[in-house]
Amino acid sequence: MELEQQHEVLRQSIKELKASMQQTAQTLAPLPELATRSNNVFRALINGLLNMLGEPLMDEDNNQVEQIVIKPIEKLSGITFKHNQFEASQPISTGVQVEKQMDLSTLKTEVDEALKTFAQRQPKELKDSLPDIVIRGVAKKAGMKNVSETNPERITHLYIKQIQDRMQQKQDAKLAEALEENKL
């Protein structure tokens, strides 16, 4: 199907959705909350198709607009909301740890310090006390493969345990090598 034919199919679908939206609104008029919900669903579908065509979208009053401005809720289920401006007295936490930026020499120092006790500490303690970038540095020094600033995407307790296991394997290999050298 050519592009113009696809556009025509989309325009026809939009007309049908608008007609269905009006019919559903009339049917659900005795149930205003459901009517509003169905209207929002239809508008989302229609706006998705309009967006594909690059045409103006529909606002909450079903008028086509170039840009949609979302208005704050003023009334819902008989409850009136007042919108006051406020300033947060404390920074709002998003639950995402923000890693402090550090220069390369500081990072190397922190990785070397972490290496000294990494194998003896619990994964949860390490996760809670060390920045992800330091854990990645320890992983790289331990010989883990494919370690970068973004890989693995998330540092988990399991990943920390894998680092500890890799450190133990390296230590065992060095010990076996030293024993082998002393035998000869």
Foldseek 3Di string as FASTA:
>chain_A
DDPVVVLVVLVVVLVVLVVVLVVVLVVCVVPVVVNLVSNVVSQVVNQVSCVVVVHFGQESVRDGDNDYDDDDDQDDPRDGDDDDDDDDPDDDDPVDDDDDDDDPVVLVVLLVVCLVCLLVDQLVVCVVPDDPSSLLVLLVVLPPPPGDPCPPVDDDSVNSVVSSVSNVVVVVVVVVVVVVVVVD
